[in-house]
Protein backbone atom coordinates (compact mmCIF):
# COMPACT_ATOMS: atom_id res chain seq x y z
CA MET A 1 27.91 5.25 -11.77
CA ASN A 2 26.79 7.77 -9.14
CA PHE A 3 27.17 6.33 -5.65
CA LYS A 4 23.76 7.73 -4.67
CA PHE A 5 21.99 5.84 -7.45
CA TYR A 6 20.41 3.35 -5.06
CA LEU A 7 18.78 6.19 -3.11
CA TYR A 8 16.88 7.80 -5.95
CA LEU A 9 14.21 5.19 -6.58
CA PRO A 10 13.21 4.59 -2.91
CA LEU A 11 12.94 8.36 -2.39
CA PHE A 12 10.86 8.63 -5.55
CA VAL A 13 8.57 5.88 -4.24
CA ILE A 14 8.11 7.77 -0.96
CA LEU A 15 7.24 10.99 -2.76
CA VAL A 16 4.78 9.40 -5.20
CA LEU A 17 2.98 7.23 -2.63
CA GLY A 18 2.95 10.15 -0.23
CA ALA A 19 1.26 12.29 -2.88
CA ILE A 20 -1.32 9.55 -3.46
CA LEU A 21 -1.93 9.22 0.28
CA TYR A 22 -2.32 12.99 0.72
CA HIS A 23 -5.27 13.23 -1.65
CA PRO A 24 -6.13 9.81 -3.13
CA THR A 25 -7.94 9.67 -6.46
CA ALA A 26 -8.19 6.90 -9.03
CA LEU A 27 -6.38 8.96 -11.68
CA LYS A 28 -3.56 9.94 -9.34
CA THR A 29 -3.14 6.32 -8.25
CA VAL A 30 -2.95 5.03 -11.84
CA ILE A 31 -0.44 7.70 -12.88
CA GLY A 32 1.62 7.29 -9.71
CA TYR A 33 1.76 3.51 -9.99
CA GLY A 34 2.70 3.78 -13.66
CA LEU A 35 5.55 6.15 -12.88
CA ILE A 36 6.87 3.93 -10.10
CA LEU A 37 6.75 0.76 -12.20
CA VAL A 38 8.44 2.38 -15.20
CA SER A 39 11.10 3.89 -12.94
CA ALA A 40 11.68 0.54 -11.22
CA LEU A 41 12.04 -1.26 -14.55
CA THR A 42 14.46 1.37 -15.85
CA ALA A 43 16.52 1.61 -12.66
CA GLY A 44 16.66 -2.17 -12.23
CA PHE A 45 17.84 -2.68 -15.80
CA PHE A 46 20.59 -0.08 -15.60
CA LEU A 47 21.67 -1.36 -12.20
CA ILE A 48 22.46 -4.87 -13.47
CA LYS A 49 22.68 -4.41 -17.24
CA ASP A 50 26.38 -5.35 -17.37
CA TYR A 51 25.69 -8.55 -15.42
CA PHE A 52 22.20 -9.33 -16.66
CA LYS A 53 23.04 -12.71 -18.22
CA ILE A 54 24.09 -14.14 -14.85
CA TYR A 55 22.18 -12.04 -12.34
CA TRP A 56 18.82 -11.63 -14.10
CA PRO A 57 16.94 -13.10 -11.06
CA PHE A 58 17.80 -9.88 -9.20
CA PHE A 59 15.85 -7.92 -11.81
CA ILE A 60 12.77 -10.15 -11.47
CA GLN A 61 12.96 -9.99 -7.68
CA LEU A 62 13.24 -6.21 -7.80
CA ILE A 63 10.10 -5.88 -9.95
CA LEU A 64 8.14 -8.33 -7.79
CA MET A 65 9.19 -6.44 -4.68
CA ILE A 66 7.86 -3.10 -5.90
CA SER A 67 4.77 -4.62 -7.59
CA GLY A 68 3.80 -6.51 -4.43
CA SER A 69 4.29 -3.40 -2.33
CA LEU A 70 2.05 -1.37 -4.62
CA GLY A 71 -0.60 -4.08 -4.52
CA LEU A 72 -0.68 -4.19 -0.73
CA PHE A 73 -0.67 -0.39 -0.51
CA LEU A 74 -3.75 -0.31 -2.73
CA PHE A 75 -5.75 -2.50 -0.34
CA LEU A 76 -4.68 -0.86 2.91
CA THR A 77 -7.60 1.22 4.13
CA ASN A 78 -6.08 2.78 7.23
CA SER A 79 -4.18 6.01 6.48
CA ILE A 80 -1.73 5.49 9.35
CA LEU A 81 -0.91 1.96 8.17
CA ARG A 82 -0.45 3.27 4.65
CA PHE A 83 1.93 5.97 5.90
CA ILE A 84 3.99 3.44 7.86
CA PHE A 85 4.00 0.99 4.96
CA ILE A 86 5.39 3.63 2.59
CA PHE A 87 8.55 3.87 4.67
CA ILE A 88 8.77 0.11 5.22
CA THR A 89 8.60 -0.40 1.45
CA ALA A 90 11.22 2.28 0.81
CA ALA A 91 13.52 0.80 3.46
CA VAL A 92 13.27 -2.76 2.09
CA PHE A 93 13.67 -1.57 -1.48
CA SER A 94 16.64 0.64 -0.61
CA TYR A 95 18.37 -2.16 1.31
CA PHE A 96 17.98 -4.56 -1.60
CA ILE A 97 19.21 -2.08 -4.20
CA LEU A 98 22.10 -0.93 -1.99
CA ASN A 99 23.46 -4.44 -1.60
CA ILE A 100 23.14 -5.20 -5.31
CA TYR A 101 24.88 -1.92 -6.12
CA ARG A 102 27.74 -2.70 -3.74
CA LEU A 103 28.06 -6.24 -5.10
CA PHE A 104 28.66 -4.91 -8.62
CA TYR A 105 30.23 -1.48 -8.16
CA GLN A 106 31.69 -1.33 -4.63
CA PRO A 107 32.90 -4.90 -3.93
CA ARG A 108 35.17 -3.71 -1.13
CA LEU A 109 32.10 -2.45 0.77
CA SER A 110 29.98 -5.47 -0.09
CA ARG A 111 29.38 -7.75 2.87
CA PRO A 112 29.82 -11.43 1.95
CA HIS A 113 26.62 -13.46 1.75
CA ILE A 114 24.42 -10.49 2.73
CA LEU A 115 22.04 -11.14 -0.16
CA LYS A 116 21.92 -14.84 0.70
CA ASN A 117 21.24 -14.18 4.36
CA SER A 118 18.48 -11.67 3.62
CA ALA A 119 16.84 -13.66 0.79
CA ALA A 120 14.39 -15.40 3.12
CA TRP A 121 13.21 -12.05 4.50
CA PHE A 122 12.84 -10.52 1.04
CA ASN A 123 10.89 -13.56 -0.11
CA PHE A 124 8.64 -13.35 2.93
CA PHE A 125 7.99 -9.66 2.26
CA ILE A 126 7.13 -10.28 -1.41
CA ALA A 127 4.96 -13.32 -0.66
CA TYR A 128 3.04 -11.50 2.05
CA CYS A 129 2.40 -8.40 -0.07
CA PHE A 130 1.20 -10.38 -3.09
CA LEU A 131 -0.90 -12.85 -1.12
CA VAL A 132 -2.72 -10.07 0.71
CA SER A 133 -3.53 -8.48 -2.65
CA LEU A 134 -4.71 -11.80 -4.08
CA SER A 135 -6.90 -12.43 -1.03
CA ALA A 136 -8.47 -9.01 -1.44
CA CYS A 137 -9.22 -9.71 -5.12
CA PHE A 138 -10.52 -13.18 -4.31
CA SER A 139 -13.00 -11.86 -1.75
CA GLN A 140 -14.70 -9.71 -4.37
CA ASN A 141 -15.94 -12.78 -6.28
CA PRO A 142 -15.04 -15.95 -4.31
CA LEU A 143 -16.90 -18.42 -6.56
CA GLY A 144 -16.15 -16.84 -9.92
CA PHE A 145 -13.26 -17.07 -12.36
CA LYS A 146 -10.97 -15.32 -9.89
CA LEU A 147 -11.01 -18.52 -7.84
CA TYR A 148 -8.77 -20.22 -10.41
CA LEU A 149 -6.70 -17.15 -11.13
CA THR A 150 -5.93 -16.76 -7.42
CA ALA A 151 -4.69 -20.35 -7.08
CA ILE A 152 -2.62 -20.14 -10.28
CA ALA A 153 -1.12 -16.75 -9.41
CA ALA A 154 -0.24 -17.85 -5.87
CA SER A 155 1.40 -21.06 -7.09
CA LEU A 156 3.43 -19.26 -9.78
CA LEU A 157 4.58 -16.63 -7.30
CA LEU A 158 5.66 -19.21 -4.74
CA PHE A 159 7.43 -21.25 -7.42
CA TRP A 160 9.48 -18.21 -8.43
CA LEU A 161 10.34 -17.35 -4.83
CA ASN A 162 11.40 -20.96 -4.26
CA PHE A 163 13.52 -20.85 -7.40
CA TYR A 164 15.13 -17.55 -6.35
CA PHE A 165 15.96 -18.91 -2.92
CA PHE A 166 17.62 -21.96 -4.48
CA TRP A 167 19.53 -19.77 -6.93
CA ILE A 168 20.80 -17.24 -4.39
CA ASN A 169 21.93 -20.06 -2.09
CA SER A 170 23.92 -21.63 -4.94
CA GLN A 171 21.77 -24.74 -4.94
CA GLU A 172 21.97 -26.83 -8.09
CA ILE A 173 18.77 -26.56 -10.13
CA THR A 174 18.12 -30.15 -11.17
CA LYS A 175 15.09 -31.95 -12.55
CA ASP A 176 14.34 -33.30 -9.07
CA SER A 177 14.56 -29.87 -7.48
CA ILE A 178 12.24 -28.39 -10.14
CA ILE A 179 9.71 -31.15 -9.47
CA PHE A 180 9.99 -30.54 -5.74
CA LEU A 181 9.58 -26.78 -6.13
CA SER A 182 6.56 -27.30 -8.39
CA ILE A 183 4.86 -29.69 -5.97
CA ILE A 184 5.48 -27.46 -2.95
CA SER A 185 4.23 -24.40 -4.84
CA LEU A 186 1.06 -26.16 -6.00
CA VAL A 187 0.33 -27.55 -2.55
CA LEU A 188 0.84 -24.17 -0.89
CA GLY A 189 -1.29 -22.55 -3.59
CA GLU A 190 -4.14 -24.98 -2.82
CA ILE A 191 -3.76 -24.46 0.93
CA TYR A 192 -3.81 -20.71 0.40
CA LEU A 193 -6.97 -21.01 -1.67
CA ALA A 194 -8.66 -23.13 1.03
CA ILE A 195 -7.67 -20.69 3.77
CA ASN A 196 -9.40 -17.90 1.86
CA PHE A 197 -12.73 -19.61 2.54
CA LEU A 198 -12.14 -19.40 6.29
CA PRO A 199 -13.37 -16.36 8.25
CA PHE A 200 -9.93 -14.77 8.51
CA THR A 201 -8.69 -11.39 7.33
CA TYR A 202 -6.56 -10.90 4.20
CA TYR A 203 -3.57 -10.24 6.39
CA LEU A 204 -3.86 -13.42 8.46
CA ASN A 205 -4.41 -15.60 5.37
CA ALA A 206 -1.26 -14.24 3.74
CA LEU A 207 0.72 -14.46 6.99
CA ILE A 208 -0.09 -18.17 7.48
CA ILE A 209 1.04 -19.16 3.98
CA SER A 210 4.08 -16.85 4.01
CA ILE A 211 5.33 -18.38 7.28
CA LEU A 212 4.62 -21.93 6.08
CA PHE A 213 6.40 -21.22 2.79
CA SER A 214 9.45 -19.76 4.57
CA ILE A 215 9.74 -22.73 6.94
CA ILE A 216 9.51 -25.35 4.18
CA ILE A 217 11.99 -23.76 1.79
CA ASN A 218 14.50 -22.99 4.56
CA LEU A 219 14.38 -26.58 5.82
CA TRP A 220 14.81 -27.93 2.27
CA VAL A 221 17.82 -25.74 1.50
CA LYS A 222 19.37 -26.56 4.88
CA LYS A 223 18.88 -30.27 4.23
CA ASN A 224 20.47 -29.98 0.78
CA LYS A 225 23.49 -28.14 2.20
CA GLU A 226 23.99 -30.81 4.86
CA SER A 227 23.71 -33.55 2.24
CA SER A 228 26.28 -31.77 0.04
CA LEU A 229 28.72 -31.54 2.96
CA LEU A 230 28.32 -35.22 3.75
CA THR A 231 29.03 -36.27 0.18
CA LYS A 232 32.23 -34.23 -0.09
């Protein structure tokens, strides 16, 4: 596999989003987003296809990362913020792909536990991007059907991110842990929904829940690790 493989997709994202930013139209946005999503699906599959059975969560995380970024980019109204966010997205995406690539194809260059150590930051990035997008959708019709869709979507997203964090940290996925993850995700989803009724911006709503989510899951994993060490 070409050693520059991990560079292609982030550069493609920069070019496509830059073209959309230069002269935004609905048609250009739809085509550009379609190209990016198809490219991400294809690149992600070929990146981990030989290890898919074990490392499939990387593929899901990769798709959520790019999808969340595209959602947030859509609702950013300031051109300067959009320009900055393009490069932030490309940097995060490139860093994630690079470390997966090295894990599979350049193990001598792979830094131990780098994906574990950065998982919390990746989860925060994905949660924030998606929750901003959901808040923006929610505000368009706060008492309609989107009210329920927002709560469900937020809870499902947070459940996956919780699951991924457990998985990447080699935590055993038991019935108790699934119940815990479900409860935490539902509670955070309800809190997120309630916050949307407060006179805050999309960005502050998403930031509050993303920080709260990160604190809870980090404390839970840390507690589990300490318990495991004590029982050994």
